[in-house]
């Protein structure tokens, strides 16, 4: 049996697997959990991240404003399913307390490392790149130095230091909508200076991730390695299709892939995944885990219009990834050439 190495989360959102289902991830039967027009001035909330906080849940949410500019909003929930949002977008400050708003911000992740919470998002830094901020109370969000130059997206921190270093996944890109993309790893002693860059894994020959891939939820520590939910993209005559994939990374050298599932874990099939502002998208941004039961709840964006919730257990998903693993030579490498 596989074990989660994380705190207990007795109030994790949960729904048992439907009778007759054998899928490695199964959907919440009341999806989507966030509808359109969730608050004044915001047309859609989708790719978003949540974590436990003060015996409840808090999150940073991509809110697509009615003027078309994406920004990050704060939301709170008692059960991880029903959400209330602050009406004003998050106001960031610099280390002197002065306003420091990004031009735009989207696809946030939210990760706790030690006693601090870090929000990571994509923004304009003279081109698409990564923005970061820290908070300890979800009242003041202090901007950090941008970790990378353009172009880069899909960044997420590991929930603890590895070898004494902060560790981040990202996906270098280009100035357009990136018809390519591999996952890389970078490390930092102080969240200011980043280096020790390593290649983790690239797109594959499997149809659902044949164009590009990118990081998703913050990696989850298990006794088998780091469990990673990521997104894989394929191209069709009607545009991109985004699916959720799974891999397990080495616990001490996470640029080495131990197992990588050749099948998707979830792909668009429901109306809220297939129909929306951008159709055919399942885009994972967060996962909750309970060490006592092994339960995992995955939050994912749906068709750039909604937020969905799916469930699994560490035994189910790790077993499925291992049983269906297929690695390339570059997966097995340290990622340094």
C-alpha atoms as a PDB file:
ATOM      1  CA  UNK A   1       0.000   0.000   0.000  1.00  0.00           C
ATOM      2  CA  UNK A   2       1.138   3.529  -0.806  1.00  0.00           C
ATOM      3  CA  UNK A   3       1.267   6.200   1.897  1.00  0.00           C
ATOM      4  CA  UNK A   4       0.804   9.947   1.790  1.00  0.00           C
ATOM      5  CA  UNK A   5       3.457  11.931   3.661  1.00  0.00           C
ATOM      6  CA  UNK A   6       1.463  14.982   4.663  1.00  0.00           C
ATOM      7  CA  UNK A   7      -0.736  16.170   7.546  1.00  0.00           C
ATOM      8  CA  UNK A   8      -4.125  14.640   8.211  1.00  0.00           C
ATOM      9  CA  UNK A   9      -7.052  16.493   6.642  1.00  0.00           C
ATOM     10  CA  UNK A  10     -10.193  14.985   8.176  1.00  0.00           C
ATOM     11  CA  UNK A  11     -12.531  17.467   6.444  1.00  0.00           C
ATOM     12  CA  UNK A  12     -11.180  16.847   2.933  1.00  0.00           C
ATOM     13  CA  UNK A  13     -13.969  17.084   0.335  1.00  0.00           C
ATOM     14  CA  UNK A  14     -14.925  13.572  -0.645  1.00  0.00           C
ATOM     15  CA  UNK A  15     -17.315  11.414  -2.628  1.00  0.00           C
ATOM     16  CA  UNK A  16     -17.008   7.651  -3.040  1.00  0.00           C
ATOM     17  CA  UNK A  17     -16.276   6.140  -6.432  1.00  0.00           C
ATOM     18  CA  UNK A  18     -19.479   5.580  -8.447  1.00  0.00           C
ATOM     19  CA  UNK A  19     -20.673   1.987  -8.638  1.00  0.00           C
ATOM     20  CA  UNK A  20     -19.247   0.310 -11.727  1.00  0.00           C
ATOM     21  CA  UNK A  21     -16.499   2.884 -12.297  1.00  0.00           C
ATOM     22  CA  UNK A  22     -12.869   1.793 -12.660  1.00  0.00           C
ATOM     23  CA  UNK A  23     -11.437   5.201 -13.577  1.00  0.00           C
ATOM     24  CA  UNK A  24      -8.316   6.351 -11.684  1.00  0.00           C
ATOM     25  CA  UNK A  25     -10.017   9.715 -11.056  1.00  0.00           C
ATOM     26  CA  UNK A  26     -13.761  10.130 -10.660  1.00  0.00           C
ATOM     27  CA  UNK A  27     -15.719  13.384 -10.876  1.00  0.00           C
ATOM     28  CA  UNK A  28     -17.848  15.015  -8.195  1.00  0.00           C
ATOM     29  CA  UNK A  29     -21.416  14.406  -9.280  1.00  0.00           C
ATOM     30  CA  UNK A  30     -22.441  18.024  -8.641  1.00  0.00           C
ATOM     31  CA  UNK A  31     -19.735  19.575 -10.862  1.00  0.00           C
ATOM     32  CA  UNK A  32     -19.054  22.308 -11.676  1.00  0.00           C
ATOM     33  CA  UNK A  33     -18.614  23.661  -8.171  1.00  0.00           C
ATOM     34  CA  UNK A  34     -18.282  27.307  -9.328  1.00  0.00           C
ATOM     35  CA  UNK A  35     -20.782  28.640 -11.902  1.00  0.00           C
ATOM     36  CA  UNK A  36     -20.404  31.461 -14.399  1.00  0.00           C
ATOM     37  CA  UNK A  37     -20.751  35.097 -13.304  1.00  0.00           C
ATOM     38  CA  UNK A  38     -19.593  34.265  -9.775  1.00  0.00           C
ATOM     39  CA  UNK A  39     -19.346  37.894  -8.607  1.00  0.00           C
ATOM     40  CA  UNK A  40     -19.887  41.379 -10.037  1.00  0.00           C
ATOM     41  CA  UNK A  41     -17.381  42.270 -12.720  1.00  0.00           C
ATOM     42  CA  UNK A  42     -16.152  38.681 -13.152  1.00  0.00           C
ATOM     43  CA  UNK A  43     -17.529  36.535 -15.956  1.00  0.00           C
ATOM     44  CA  UNK A  44     -15.799  33.250 -15.167  1.00  0.00           C
ATOM     45  CA  UNK A  45     -13.637  31.642 -12.498  1.00  0.00           C
ATOM     46  CA  UNK A  46     -11.624  28.613 -13.557  1.00  0.00           C
ATOM     47  CA  UNK A  47      -7.957  27.534 -13.241  1.00  0.00           C
ATOM     48  CA  UNK A  48      -7.554  28.020  -9.493  1.00  0.00           C
ATOM     49  CA  UNK A  49      -5.775  26.680  -6.406  1.00  0.00           C
ATOM     50  CA  UNK A  50      -6.966  25.867  -2.876  1.00  0.00           C
ATOM     51  CA  UNK A  51      -5.354  24.724   0.371  1.00  0.00           C
ATOM     52  CA  UNK A  52      -6.461  23.974   3.943  1.00  0.00           C
ATOM     53  CA  UNK A  53      -6.469  26.995   6.250  1.00  0.00           C
ATOM     54  CA  UNK A  54      -7.722  27.406   9.826  1.00  0.00           C
ATOM     55  CA  UNK A  55      -9.786  24.187   9.781  1.00  0.00           C
ATOM     56  CA  UNK A  56     -11.448  25.314   6.549  1.00  0.00           C
ATOM     57  CA  UNK A  57     -10.200  26.141   3.029  1.00  0.00           C
ATOM     58  CA  UNK A  58      -8.859  29.179   1.215  1.00  0.00           C
ATOM     59  CA  UNK A  59      -7.901  29.678  -2.409  1.00  0.00           C
ATOM     60  CA  UNK A  60      -6.576  31.943  -5.128  1.00  0.00           C
ATOM     61  CA  UNK A  61      -8.787  31.955  -8.189  1.00  0.00           C
ATOM     62  CA  UNK A  62      -8.373  33.033 -11.772  1.00  0.00           C
ATOM     63  CA  UNK A  63     -11.156  35.527 -12.303  1.00  0.00           C
ATOM     64  CA  UNK A  64     -11.721  36.539 -15.899  1.00  0.00           C
ATOM     65  CA  UNK A  65     -13.032  40.088 -15.598  1.00  0.00           C
ATOM     66  CA  UNK A  66     -15.771  41.272 -17.952  1.00  0.00           C
ATOM     67  CA  UNK A  67     -13.176  43.518 -19.631  1.00  0.00           C
ATOM     68  CA  UNK A  68     -11.289  40.364 -20.628  1.00  0.00           C
ATOM     69  CA  UNK A  69      -8.327  40.935 -18.285  1.00  0.00           C
ATOM     70  CA  UNK A  70      -7.584  37.988 -15.943  1.00  0.00           C
ATOM     71  CA  UNK A  71      -6.770  38.629 -12.316  1.00  0.00           C
ATOM     72  CA  UNK A  72      -6.528  36.729  -9.034  1.00  0.00           C
ATOM     73  CA  UNK A  73      -9.314  36.735  -6.461  1.00  0.00           C
ATOM     74  CA  UNK A  74      -9.380  35.303  -2.945  1.00  0.00           C
ATOM     75  CA  UNK A  75     -12.015  32.765  -1.962  1.00  0.00           C
ATOM     76  CA  UNK A  76     -12.968  30.984   1.264  1.00  0.00           C
ATOM     77  CA  UNK A  77     -14.935  27.812   1.927  1.00  0.00           C
ATOM     78  CA  UNK A  78     -15.988  25.773   4.912  1.00  0.00           C
ATOM     79  CA  UNK A  79     -16.203  22.498   2.988  1.00  0.00           C
ATOM     80  CA  UNK A  80     -13.958  22.989  -0.065  1.00  0.00           C
ATOM     81  CA  UNK A  81     -16.996  22.854  -2.375  1.00  0.00           C
ATOM     82  CA  UNK A  82     -19.117  25.943  -1.736  1.00  0.00           C
ATOM     83  CA  UNK A  83     -17.090  29.134  -2.142  1.00  0.00           C
ATOM     84  CA  UNK A  84     -17.470  32.805  -1.229  1.00  0.00           C
ATOM     85  CA  UNK A  85     -15.219  35.326  -2.965  1.00  0.00           C
ATOM     86  CA  UNK A  86     -13.899  38.679  -1.926  1.00  0.00           C
ATOM     87  CA  UNK A  87     -15.340  41.235  -4.372  1.00  0.00           C
ATOM     88  CA  UNK A  88     -12.019  43.021  -4.946  1.00  0.00           C
ATOM     89  CA  UNK A  89      -9.129  41.344  -6.711  1.00  0.00           C
ATOM     90  CA  UNK A  90      -6.070  40.679  -4.562  1.00  0.00           C
ATOM     91  CA  UNK A  91      -3.995  43.809  -3.977  1.00  0.00           C
ATOM     92  CA  UNK A  92      -0.271  43.067  -4.011  1.00  0.00           C
ATOM     93  CA  UNK A  93       2.425  45.191  -2.385  1.00  0.00           C
ATOM     94  CA  UNK A  94       6.210  45.319  -2.614  1.00  0.00           C
ATOM     95  CA  UNK A  95       8.559  44.678   0.299  1.00  0.00           C
ATOM     96  CA  UNK A  96       8.130  48.322   1.401  1.00  0.00           C
ATOM     97  CA  UNK A  97       4.334  48.015   1.467  1.00  0.00           C
ATOM     98  CA  UNK A  98       3.770  50.091  -1.675  1.00  0.00           C
ATOM     99  CA  UNK A  99       1.215  48.929  -4.276  1.00  0.00           C
ATOM    100  CA  UNK A 100       2.745  46.469  -6.759  1.00  0.00           C
ATOM    101  CA  UNK A 101       0.009  45.209  -9.046  1.00  0.00           C
ATOM    102  CA  UNK A 102       0.849  42.990 -12.019  1.00  0.00           C
ATOM    103  CA  UNK A 103      -0.610  44.078 -15.353  1.00  0.00           C
ATOM    104  CA  UNK A 104      -2.590  40.839 -15.401  1.00  0.00           C
ATOM    105  CA  UNK A 105      -2.397  37.532 -13.540  1.00  0.00           C
ATOM    106  CA  UNK A 106      -3.782  34.095 -14.295  1.00  0.00           C
ATOM    107  CA  UNK A 107      -3.565  30.349 -13.580  1.00  0.00           C
ATOM    108  CA  UNK A 108      -2.449  30.737  -9.955  1.00  0.00           C
ATOM    109  CA  UNK A 109      -1.083  28.025  -7.697  1.00  0.00           C
ATOM    110  CA  UNK A 110      -0.990  28.220  -3.914  1.00  0.00           C
ATOM    111  CA  UNK A 111       1.546  26.271  -1.836  1.00  0.00           C
ATOM    112  CA  UNK A 112       2.521  26.287   1.829  1.00  0.00           C
ATOM    113  CA  UNK A 113       6.236  25.898   2.538  1.00  0.00           C
ATOM    114  CA  UNK A 114       7.001  25.879   6.257  1.00  0.00           C
ATOM    115  CA  UNK A 115       5.028  28.743   7.837  1.00  0.00           C
ATOM    116  CA  UNK A 116       4.507  30.810   4.682  1.00  0.00           C
ATOM    117  CA  UNK A 117       2.025  30.590   1.821  1.00  0.00           C
ATOM    118  CA  UNK A 118       3.185  31.312  -1.725  1.00  0.00           C
ATOM    119  CA  UNK A 119       1.009  32.288  -4.662  1.00  0.00           C
ATOM    120  CA  UNK A 120       2.544  31.691  -8.087  1.00  0.00           C
ATOM    121  CA  UNK A 121       0.921  32.822 -11.329  1.00  0.00           C
ATOM    122  CA  UNK A 122       1.531  33.778 -14.947  1.00  0.00           C
ATOM    123  CA  UNK A 123       1.840  37.505 -15.656  1.00  0.00           C
ATOM    124  CA  UNK A 124       3.291  40.110 -17.990  1.00  0.00           C
ATOM    125  CA  UNK A 125       7.014  40.727 -17.448  1.00  0.00           C
ATOM    126  CA  UNK A 126       7.596  42.238 -20.892  1.00  0.00           C
ATOM    127  CA  UNK A 127       6.210  38.929 -22.097  1.00  0.00           C
ATOM    128  CA  UNK A 128       4.503  36.012 -20.378  1.00  0.00           C
ATOM    129  CA  UNK A 129       6.425  34.943 -17.290  1.00  0.00           C
ATOM    130  CA  UNK A 130       6.055  33.903 -13.653  1.00  0.00           C
ATOM    131  CA  UNK A 131       4.999  36.113 -10.744  1.00  0.00           C
ATOM    132  CA  UNK A 132       5.208  35.229  -7.061  1.00  0.00           C
ATOM    133  CA  UNK A 133       3.983  36.603  -3.756  1.00  0.00           C
ATOM    134  CA  UNK A 134       4.029  35.472  -0.147  1.00  0.00           C
ATOM    135  CA  UNK A 135       1.575  35.816   2.711  1.00  0.00           C
ATOM    136  CA  UNK A 136       1.145  34.519   6.224  1.00  0.00           C
ATOM    137  CA  UNK A 137      -2.322  35.875   6.909  1.00  0.00           C
ATOM    138  CA  UNK A 138      -4.049  36.162   3.486  1.00  0.00           C
ATOM    139  CA  UNK A 139      -4.448  39.861   4.154  1.00  0.00           C
ATOM    140  CA  UNK A 140      -1.090  41.142   2.897  1.00  0.00           C
ATOM    141  CA  UNK A 141       0.398  39.635  -0.269  1.00  0.00           C
ATOM    142  CA  UNK A 142       4.005  40.752  -0.767  1.00  0.00           C
ATOM    143  CA  UNK A 143       5.471  40.423  -4.252  1.00  0.00           C
ATOM    144  CA  UNK A 144       8.774  38.577  -4.626  1.00  0.00           C
ATOM    145  CA  UNK A 145      11.327  38.965  -7.378  1.00  0.00           C
ATOM    146  CA  UNK A 146      10.207  37.401 -10.642  1.00  0.00           C
ATOM    147  CA  UNK A 147      12.060  34.072 -10.804  1.00  0.00           C
ATOM    148  CA  UNK A 148      12.543  33.817 -14.579  1.00  0.00           C
ATOM    149  CA  UNK A 149      12.733  35.996 -17.665  1.00  0.00           C
ATOM    150  CA  UNK A 150      10.083  35.546 -20.393  1.00  0.00           C
ATOM    151  CA  UNK A 151       8.777  33.313 -21.665  1.00  0.00           C
ATOM    152  CA  UNK A 152       7.524  30.900 -19.009  1.00  0.00           C
ATOM    153  CA  UNK A 153       4.272  29.533 -17.598  1.00  0.00           C
ATOM    154  CA  UNK A 154       2.770  26.856 -15.337  1.00  0.00           C
ATOM    155  CA  UNK A 155       5.046  27.290 -12.332  1.00  0.00           C
ATOM    156  CA  UNK A 156       4.435  25.486  -9.037  1.00  0.00           C
ATOM    157  CA  UNK A 157       6.520  25.103  -5.876  1.00  0.00           C
ATOM    158  CA  UNK A 158       7.167  21.846  -4.089  1.00  0.00           C
ATOM    159  CA  UNK A 159       5.638  21.927  -0.578  1.00  0.00           C
ATOM    160  CA  UNK A 160       9.008  21.572   1.141  1.00  0.00           C
ATOM    161  CA  UNK A 161      12.639  22.294   0.443  1.00  0.00           C
ATOM    162  CA  UNK A 162      14.664  19.550  -1.230  1.00  0.00           C
ATOM    163  CA  UNK A 163      18.317  19.403  -0.220  1.00  0.00           C
ATOM    164  CA  UNK A 164      17.783  22.684   1.617  1.00  0.00           C
ATOM    165  CA  UNK A 165      16.588  24.462  -1.525  1.00  0.00           C
ATOM    166  CA  UNK A 166      13.220  25.770  -2.657  1.00  0.00           C
ATOM    167  CA  UNK A 167      12.234  23.761  -5.714  1.00  0.00           C
ATOM    168  CA  UNK A 168       9.925  24.844  -8.523  1.00  0.00           C
ATOM    169  CA  UNK A 169       8.530  23.293 -11.686  1.00  0.00           C
ATOM    170  CA  UNK A 170       7.903  25.509 -14.705  1.00  0.00           C
ATOM    171  CA  UNK A 171       7.262  25.292 -18.417  1.00  0.00           C
ATOM    172  CA  UNK A 172       9.409  27.561 -20.627  1.00  0.00           C
ATOM    173  CA  UNK A 173       7.379  28.743 -23.595  1.00  0.00           C
ATOM    174  CA  UNK A 174       7.299  31.396 -26.286  1.00  0.00           C
ATOM    175  CA  UNK A 175       5.402  34.579 -27.052  1.00  0.00           C
ATOM    176  CA  UNK A 176       2.425  32.881 -28.697  1.00  0.00           C
ATOM    177  CA  UNK A 177       0.170  30.126 -27.366  1.00  0.00           C
ATOM    178  CA  UNK A 178       3.116  27.751 -27.200  1.00  0.00           C
ATOM    179  CA  UNK A 179       2.811  24.891 -29.677  1.00  0.00           C
ATOM    180  CA  UNK A 180       5.467  23.043 -27.639  1.00  0.00           C
ATOM    181  CA  UNK A 181       6.560  22.706 -24.036  1.00  0.00           C
ATOM    182  CA  UNK A 182       8.417  20.525 -21.507  1.00  0.00           C
ATOM    183  CA  UNK A 183       8.460  20.607 -17.701  1.00  0.00           C
ATOM    184  CA  UNK A 184      11.687  21.876 -16.110  1.00  0.00           C
ATOM    185  CA  UNK A 185      12.837  22.128 -12.494  1.00  0.00           C
ATOM    186  CA  UNK A 186      14.740  25.007 -10.859  1.00  0.00           C
ATOM    187  CA  UNK A 187      16.036  25.537  -7.327  1.00  0.00           C
ATOM    188  CA  UNK A 188      16.793  28.520  -5.117  1.00  0.00           C
ATOM    189  CA  UNK A 189      18.306  29.107  -1.671  1.00  0.00           C
ATOM    190  CA  UNK A 190      16.255  32.259  -1.065  1.00  0.00           C
ATOM    191  CA  UNK A 191      13.395  32.570  -3.625  1.00  0.00           C
ATOM    192  CA  UNK A 192      15.357  35.356  -5.333  1.00  0.00           C
ATOM    193  CA  UNK A 193      18.194  33.664  -7.211  1.00  0.00           C
ATOM    194  CA  UNK A 194      17.208  30.601  -9.237  1.00  0.00           C
ATOM    195  CA  UNK A 195      19.453  28.013 -10.855  1.00  0.00           C
ATOM    196  CA  UNK A 196      20.327  24.301 -10.921  1.00  0.00           C
ATOM    197  CA  UNK A 197      17.871  23.994 -13.813  1.00  0.00           C
ATOM    198  CA  UNK A 198      16.958  20.438 -14.803  1.00  0.00           C
ATOM    199  CA  UNK A 199      14.709  18.923 -17.457  1.00  0.00           C
ATOM    200  CA  UNK A 200      12.009  16.758 -15.886  1.00  0.00           C
ATOM    201  CA  UNK A 201       9.948  15.431 -18.775  1.00  0.00           C
ATOM    202  CA  UNK A 202       8.660  16.402 -22.194  1.00  0.00           C
ATOM    203  CA  UNK A 203       5.709  15.697 -24.415  1.00  0.00           C
ATOM    204  CA  UNK A 204       5.306  12.088 -25.518  1.00  0.00           C
ATOM    205  CA  UNK A 205       4.096  10.054 -28.468  1.00  0.00           C
ATOM    206  CA  UNK A 206       0.812   9.338 -26.684  1.00  0.00           C
ATOM    207  CA  UNK A 207      -1.953  11.245 -28.435  1.00  0.00           C
ATOM    208  CA  UNK A 208      -3.281  13.147 -25.403  1.00  0.00           C
ATOM    209  CA  UNK A 209       0.113  14.784 -24.604  1.00  0.00           C
ATOM    210  CA  UNK A 210       1.690  14.915 -28.036  1.00  0.00           C
ATOM    211  CA  UNK A 211       1.903  18.727 -28.326  1.00  0.00           C
ATOM    212  CA  UNK A 212       3.022  19.955 -24.881  1.00  0.00           C
ATOM    213  CA  UNK A 213       2.752  19.356 -21.152  1.00  0.00           C
ATOM    214  CA  UNK A 214       2.852  21.553 -18.065  1.00  0.00           C
ATOM    215  CA  UNK A 215       2.836  21.395 -14.294  1.00  0.00           C
ATOM    216  CA  UNK A 216      -0.466  21.224 -12.448  1.00  0.00           C
ATOM    217  CA  UNK A 217      -1.079  20.775  -8.750  1.00  0.00           C
ATOM    218  CA  UNK A 218       1.761  21.087  -6.252  1.00  0.00           C
ATOM    219  CA  UNK A 219       3.546  17.727  -6.041  1.00  0.00           C
ATOM    220  CA  UNK A 220       2.276  15.475  -3.253  1.00  0.00           C
ATOM    221  CA  UNK A 221       4.836  13.605  -1.157  1.00  0.00           C
ATOM    222  CA  UNK A 222       4.312   9.833  -0.902  1.00  0.00           C
ATOM    223  CA  UNK A 223       6.476   6.911   0.161  1.00  0.00           C
ATOM    224  CA  UNK A 224       6.832   6.082  -3.567  1.00  0.00           C
ATOM    225  CA  UNK A 225       8.064   9.549  -4.572  1.00  0.00           C
ATOM    226  CA  UNK A 226       6.462  12.860  -5.536  1.00  0.00           C
ATOM    227  CA  UNK A 227       3.010  12.343  -7.042  1.00  0.00           C
ATOM    228  CA  UNK A 228       2.505  14.871  -9.832  1.00  0.00           C
ATOM    229  CA  UNK A 229      -0.783  15.710 -11.519  1.00  0.00           C
ATOM    230  CA  UNK A 230       0.013  17.622 -14.709  1.00  0.00           C
ATOM    231  CA  UNK A 231      -1.711  18.604 -17.938  1.00  0.00           C
ATOM    232  CA  UNK A 232      -1.069  17.174 -21.365  1.00  0.00           C
ATOM    233  CA  UNK A 233      -2.186  18.787 -24.624  1.00  0.00           C
ATOM    234  CA  UNK A 234      -3.006  17.379 -28.028  1.00  0.00           C
ATOM    235  CA  UNK A 235      -3.944  19.197 -31.223  1.00  0.00           C
ATOM    236  CA  UNK A 236      -7.082  18.600 -33.246  1.00  0.00           C
ATOM    237  CA  UNK A 237      -8.711  20.247 -36.270  1.00  0.00           C
ATOM    238  CA  UNK A 238     -10.830  22.141 -33.720  1.00  0.00           C
ATOM    239  CA  UNK A 239      -7.974  23.289 -31.479  1.00  0.00           C
ATOM    240  CA  UNK A 240      -6.129  22.042 -28.412  1.00  0.00           C
ATOM    241  CA  UNK A 241      -7.493  19.445 -25.967  1.00  0.00           C
ATOM    242  CA  UNK A 242      -6.199  19.493 -22.367  1.00  0.00           C
ATOM    243  CA  UNK A 243      -6.196  16.312 -20.260  1.00  0.00           C
ATOM    244  CA  UNK A 244      -4.896  15.438 -16.788  1.00  0.00           C
ATOM    245  CA  UNK A 245      -1.905  13.092 -16.529  1.00  0.00           C
ATOM    246  CA  UNK A 246       0.043  11.556 -13.668  1.00  0.00           C
ATOM    247  CA  UNK A 247       3.678  10.788 -12.855  1.00  0.00           C
ATOM    248  CA  UNK A 248       5.857   9.922  -9.860  1.00  0.00           C
ATOM    249  CA  UNK A 249       9.182  11.739  -9.407  1.00  0.00           C
ATOM    250  CA  UNK A 250      12.212  10.699  -7.380  1.00  0.00           C
ATOM    251  CA  UNK A 251      11.918  12.033  -3.838  1.00  0.00           C
ATOM    252  CA  UNK A 252      15.483  13.413  -3.641  1.00  0.00           C
ATOM    253  CA  UNK A 253      16.136  14.108  -7.342  1.00  0.00           C
ATOM    254  CA  UNK A 254      12.699  15.046  -8.702  1.00  0.00           C
ATOM    255  CA  UNK A 255      14.074  15.713 -12.171  1.00  0.00           C
ATOM    256  CA  UNK A 256      14.189  11.919 -12.489  1.00  0.00           C
ATOM    257  CA  UNK A 257      10.843  10.372 -13.406  1.00  0.00           C
ATOM    258  CA  UNK A 258      10.232   6.994 -11.774  1.00  0.00           C
ATOM    259  CA  UNK A 259       6.824   6.271 -13.297  1.00  0.00           C
ATOM    260  CA  UNK A 260       4.790   8.088 -15.926  1.00  0.00           C
ATOM    261  CA  UNK A 261       1.322   7.000 -16.926  1.00  0.00           C
ATOM    262  CA  UNK A 262       0.924   6.515 -20.654  1.00  0.00           C
ATOM    263  CA  UNK A 263      -2.850   7.001 -20.283  1.00  0.00           C
ATOM    264  CA  UNK A 264      -4.603  10.178 -19.222  1.00  0.00           C
ATOM    265  CA  UNK A 265      -6.213  10.162 -15.780  1.00  0.00           C
ATOM    266  CA  UNK A 266      -9.040  12.465 -16.882  1.00  0.00           C
ATOM    267  CA  UNK A 267      -9.960  13.913 -20.280  1.00  0.00           C
ATOM    268  CA  UNK A 268     -12.854  16.160 -21.331  1.00  0.00           C
ATOM    269  CA  UNK A 269     -16.099  14.197 -21.657  1.00  0.00           C
ATOM    270  CA  UNK A 270     -18.644  16.140 -19.580  1.00  0.00           C
ATOM    271  CA  UNK A 271     -20.565  19.180 -20.868  1.00  0.00           C
ATOM    272  CA  UNK A 272     -18.740  21.603 -18.541  1.00  0.00           C
ATOM    273  CA  UNK A 273     -15.367  20.306 -19.820  1.00  0.00           C
ATOM    274  CA  UNK A 274     -16.283  20.173 -23.503  1.00  0.00           C
ATOM    275  CA  UNK A 275     -18.344  23.375 -23.784  1.00  0.00           C
ATOM    276  CA  UNK A 276     -17.219  26.786 -22.616  1.00  0.00           C
ATOM    277  CA  UNK A 277     -15.147  29.832 -23.436  1.00  0.00           C
ATOM    278  CA  UNK A 278     -12.279  27.523 -24.457  1.00  0.00           C
ATOM    279  CA  UNK A 279     -13.721  24.053 -25.137  1.00  0.00           C
ATOM    280  CA  UNK A 280     -12.183  20.702 -24.243  1.00  0.00           C
ATOM    281  CA  UNK A 281     -10.072  21.638 -21.213  1.00  0.00           C
ATOM    282  CA  UNK A 282      -9.319  19.768 -17.985  1.00  0.00           C
ATOM    283  CA  UNK A 283      -6.552  21.782 -16.290  1.00  0.00           C
ATOM    284  CA  UNK A 284      -5.394  20.738 -12.780  1.00  0.00           C
ATOM    285  CA  UNK A 285      -4.163  23.460 -10.415  1.00  0.00           C
ATOM    286  CA  UNK A 286      -4.546  22.037  -6.896  1.00  0.00           C
ATOM    287  CA  UNK A 287      -4.903  18.830  -4.922  1.00  0.00           C
ATOM    288  CA  UNK A 288      -5.795  18.222  -1.282  1.00  0.00           C
ATOM    289  CA  UNK A 289      -4.606  15.076   0.508  1.00  0.00           C
ATOM    290  CA  UNK A 290      -5.419  13.319   3.788  1.00  0.00           C
ATOM    291  CA  UNK A 291      -2.696  11.088   5.201  1.00  0.00           C
ATOM    292  CA  UNK A 292      -5.113   9.194   7.462  1.00  0.00           C
ATOM    293  CA  UNK A 293      -7.409   7.876   4.723  1.00  0.00           C
ATOM    294  CA  UNK A 294      -5.209   8.271   1.632  1.00  0.00           C
ATOM    295  CA  UNK A 295      -7.913  10.384   0.007  1.00  0.00           C
ATOM    296  CA  UNK A 296      -7.023  12.990  -2.631  1.00  0.00           C
ATOM    297  CA  UNK A 297      -9.258  15.723  -4.067  1.00  0.00           C
ATOM    298  CA  UNK A 298      -8.144  17.374  -7.321  1.00  0.00           C
ATOM    299  CA  UNK A 299      -9.369  20.819  -8.399  1.00  0.00           C
ATOM    300  CA  UNK A 300      -9.282  21.499 -12.112  1.00  0.00           C
ATOM    301  CA  UNK A 301     -10.344  24.193 -14.545  1.00  0.00           C
ATOM    302  CA  UNK A 302     -13.050  23.217 -17.019  1.00  0.00           C
ATOM    303  CA  UNK A 303     -13.278  24.768 -20.501  1.00  0.00           C
ATOM    304  CA  UNK A 304     -11.903  28.078 -19.167  1.00  0.00           C
ATOM    305  CA  UNK A 305     -15.338  28.611 -17.642  1.00  0.00           C
ATOM    306  CA  UNK A 306     -15.787  26.552 -14.472  1.00  0.00           C
ATOM    307  CA  UNK A 307     -14.023  24.739 -11.636  1.00  0.00           C
ATOM    308  CA  UNK A 308     -14.458  20.995 -11.303  1.00  0.00           C
ATOM    309  CA  UNK A 309     -13.570  18.570  -8.538  1.00  0.00           C
ATOM    310  CA  UNK A 310     -12.393  14.963  -8.885  1.00  0.00           C
ATOM    311  CA  UNK A 311     -11.384  12.302  -6.379  1.00  0.00           C
ATOM    312  CA  UNK A 312      -9.014   9.385  -5.991  1.00  0.00           C
ATOM    313  CA  UNK A 313      -6.904   7.685  -3.338  1.00  0.00           C
ATOM    314  CA  UNK A 314      -3.148   7.387  -3.175  1.00  0.00           C
ATOM    315  CA  UNK A 315      -3.427   3.601  -3.612  1.00  0.00           C
ATOM    316  CA  UNK A 316      -5.693   3.930  -6.642  1.00  0.00           C
ATOM    317  CA  UNK A 317      -3.752   6.573  -8.521  1.00  0.00           C
ATOM    318  CA  UNK A 318      -0.220   5.410  -7.686  1.00  0.00           C
ATOM    319  CA  UNK A 319      -1.163   1.844  -8.542  1.00  0.00           C
ATOM    320  CA  UNK A 320      -2.668   2.962 -11.844  1.00  0.00           C
ATOM    321  CA  UNK A 321       0.331   5.100 -12.779  1.00  0.00           C
ATOM    322  CA  UNK A 322       2.750   2.271 -12.001  1.00  0.00           C
ATOM    323  CA  UNK A 323       0.687  -0.348 -13.831  1.00  0.00           C
ATOM    324  CA  UNK A 324       0.508   1.837 -16.946  1.00  0.00           C
ATOM    325  CA  UNK A 325       3.940   3.446 -16.800  1.00  0.00           C
ATOM    326  CA  UNK A 326       6.042   4.013 -19.895  1.00  0.00           C
ATOM    327  CA  UNK A 327       9.251   6.026 -19.617  1.00  0.00           C
ATOM    328  CA  UNK A 328      11.475   7.577 -22.241  1.00  0.00           C
ATOM    329  CA  UNK A 329      15.230   7.846 -21.887  1.00  0.00           C
ATOM    330  CA  UNK A 330      14.965  11.557 -21.082  1.00  0.00           C
ATOM    331  CA  UNK A 331      12.474  10.765 -18.302  1.00  0.00           C
ATOM    332  CA  UNK A 332      15.061   8.563 -16.571  1.00  0.00           C
ATOM    333  CA  UNK A 333      17.886  11.107 -16.863  1.00  0.00           C
ATOM    334  CA  UNK A 334      18.899  13.608 -14.212  1.00  0.00           C
ATOM    335  CA  UNK A 335      17.885  16.269 -16.725  1.00  0.00           C
ATOM    336  CA  UNK A 336      21.311  17.829 -17.048  1.00  0.00           C
ATOM    337  CA  UNK A 337      23.310  17.842 -20.269  1.00  0.00           C
END
